[in-house]
Structure formats: structure tokens, C-alpha cells
Amino acid sequence: MRQVAWQRLPEDRVWTHSPPRPEDGAMIWLVLIMGKVIIYVVPSLIAARRQAERLRRVVVVNLLLGWTVIGWIIALVMATRPHPPPYPPPFEQYGPPPRRPKRRAG
């Protein structure tokens, strides 16, 4: 017969906790590891969500240096950096520059 997490003892009418099962500890470790992995890749997820132009750089810095706190912060700063302004259209689009009138010698 398997014990439930909480059971009532009839003789003294108090609730007691059943002894921990091995699978309970494994589940806790699994949740902790998954949480750490999610926190570890937060800069990459932010960069992907923002469609950052430097997504590859953020991912590389995050994977290679993210295990250090400074590397993780650098990746986070790179991921949250604002998008650069769009470049103005190329000069050739407007045609050649206007000609200056020639001066008359005089």
C-alpha cells in the first residue's frame, strides 16, 4: 500500500508528512535545472524576440561566455541594445549633383 503525501493518524488526530520518495527529489532537480537553463538563455531569447541584427553574436557570446556572470550581462546588453537607425537612401538615387554656373572672367 502506497502512502499519500499527508495522512491522518487516528490515535492522536494529527497530520503528518510521509517520508520523501526518491522520485520527488528527481523532479525537484529537473525543475531547478530547467529553470537555470531558461535563465541562461534569456539574452538569446530576448534577441530572437526583438529580431536583433546581431542575433548570432548574442547567441555565441551567451553560449561561450554566459556561464560567467559578466559574459551573461554582456550578452544581455547586446540583446537589449536599441536597433540602429535606418541608413539614408544612397546618394545615387537623387541623381548627379547640380552644376554650378561657370564664372565669367571679367
Protein backbone atom coordinates (compact mmCIF):
# COMPACT_ATOMS: atom_id res chain seq x y z
CA MET A 1 0.00 0.00 0.00
CA ARG A 2 1.42 3.37 -1.07
CA GLN A 3 1.36 6.20 1.39
CA VAL A 4 -0.12 9.53 0.41
CA ALA A 5 1.73 12.79 0.96
CA TRP A 6 -0.37 13.61 4.04
CA GLN A 7 -2.09 11.06 6.18
CA ARG A 8 -4.07 11.33 9.34
CA LEU A 9 -3.11 9.24 12.30
CA PRO A 10 -6.25 8.10 14.10
CA GLU A 11 -4.71 7.65 17.55
CA ASP A 12 -3.60 11.24 18.14
CA ARG A 13 -5.51 13.03 15.35
CA VAL A 14 -2.57 14.98 13.89
CA TRP A 15 -1.46 15.28 10.31
CA THR A 16 1.99 14.02 9.46
CA HIS A 17 4.11 14.10 6.34
CA SER A 18 5.02 10.85 4.68
CA PRO A 19 8.71 10.11 4.09
CA PRO A 20 10.13 11.59 0.89
CA ARG A 21 10.16 9.39 -2.18
CA PRO A 22 13.20 9.24 -4.48
CA GLU A 23 11.19 10.46 -7.48
CA ASP A 24 10.27 13.64 -5.57
CA GLY A 25 13.94 14.66 -5.41
CA ALA A 26 14.43 13.92 -9.12
CA MET A 27 11.50 16.13 -10.03
CA ILE A 28 12.87 18.98 -7.94
CA TRP A 29 16.26 18.67 -9.62
CA LEU A 30 14.64 18.57 -13.05
CA VAL A 31 12.67 21.75 -12.36
CA LEU A 32 15.76 23.51 -10.97
CA ILE A 33 17.91 22.56 -13.96
CA MET A 34 15.22 23.62 -16.43
CA GLY A 35 14.88 26.95 -14.63
CA LYS A 36 18.63 27.54 -14.76
CA VAL A 37 18.77 26.69 -18.48
CA ILE A 38 15.93 29.11 -19.21
CA ILE A 39 17.65 31.88 -17.24
CA TYR A 40 20.94 31.06 -19.01
CA VAL A 41 19.45 31.61 -22.49
CA VAL A 42 17.36 34.70 -21.63
CA PRO A 43 19.67 37.04 -23.63
CA SER A 44 19.36 34.83 -26.71
CA LEU A 45 15.60 34.64 -26.33
CA ILE A 46 15.33 38.42 -25.98
CA ALA A 47 17.50 38.97 -29.07
CA ALA A 48 15.43 36.48 -31.08
CA ARG A 49 12.17 38.07 -29.94
CA ARG A 50 13.40 41.56 -30.83
CA GLN A 51 14.77 40.28 -34.16
CA ALA A 52 18.13 41.83 -33.39
CA GLU A 53 20.54 42.27 -36.28
CA ARG A 54 23.34 40.81 -34.16
CA LEU A 55 21.44 37.69 -33.11
CA ARG A 56 24.30 35.34 -33.99
CA ARG A 57 26.78 37.37 -31.96
CA VAL A 58 24.46 37.40 -28.95
CA VAL A 59 23.95 33.63 -29.15
CA VAL A 60 27.70 32.96 -29.47
CA VAL A 61 28.58 35.24 -26.55
CA ASN A 62 25.76 33.75 -24.50
CA LEU A 63 26.78 30.15 -25.16
CA LEU A 64 30.54 30.62 -24.79
CA LEU A 65 30.72 33.25 -22.04
CA GLY A 66 27.26 33.11 -20.47
CA TRP A 67 28.45 30.80 -17.69
CA THR A 68 30.35 33.77 -16.31
CA VAL A 69 28.19 36.49 -14.88
CA ILE A 70 29.99 39.17 -16.89
CA GLY A 71 29.55 37.26 -20.15
CA TRP A 72 25.85 36.83 -19.43
CA ILE A 73 25.46 40.55 -18.70
CA ILE A 74 27.35 41.45 -21.91
CA ALA A 75 25.03 39.17 -23.91
CA LEU A 76 22.01 40.74 -22.23
CA VAL A 77 23.23 44.26 -23.04
CA MET A 78 23.88 43.24 -26.64
CA ALA A 79 20.37 41.76 -26.87
CA THR A 80 18.65 44.83 -25.44
CA ARG A 81 20.65 47.39 -27.40
CA PRO A 82 18.31 49.58 -29.47
CA HIS A 83 18.07 48.97 -33.17
CA PRO A 84 20.34 51.23 -35.23
CA PRO A 85 18.56 53.92 -37.24
CA PRO A 86 17.99 53.05 -40.89
CA TYR A 87 20.58 54.37 -43.25
CA PRO A 88 19.56 57.22 -45.55
CA PRO A 89 19.00 56.27 -49.17
CA PRO A 90 22.13 56.16 -51.30
CA PHE A 91 23.26 59.37 -52.96
CA GLU A 92 22.90 57.96 -56.48
CA GLN A 93 19.16 57.76 -56.01
CA TYR A 94 18.88 61.55 -56.28
CA GLY A 95 20.90 61.82 -59.46
CA PRO A 96 24.04 63.84 -60.05
CA PRO A 97 24.64 66.98 -58.01
CA PRO A 98 23.50 70.24 -59.60
CA ARG A 99 26.08 72.03 -61.75
CA ARG A 100 27.39 75.36 -60.73
CA PRO A 101 27.30 78.01 -63.37
CA LYS A 102 30.69 78.93 -64.75
CA ARG A 103 32.08 82.26 -63.74
CA ARG A 104 32.80 84.73 -66.39
CA ALA A 105 36.21 86.18 -66.33
CA GLY A 106 35.99 89.74 -66.29
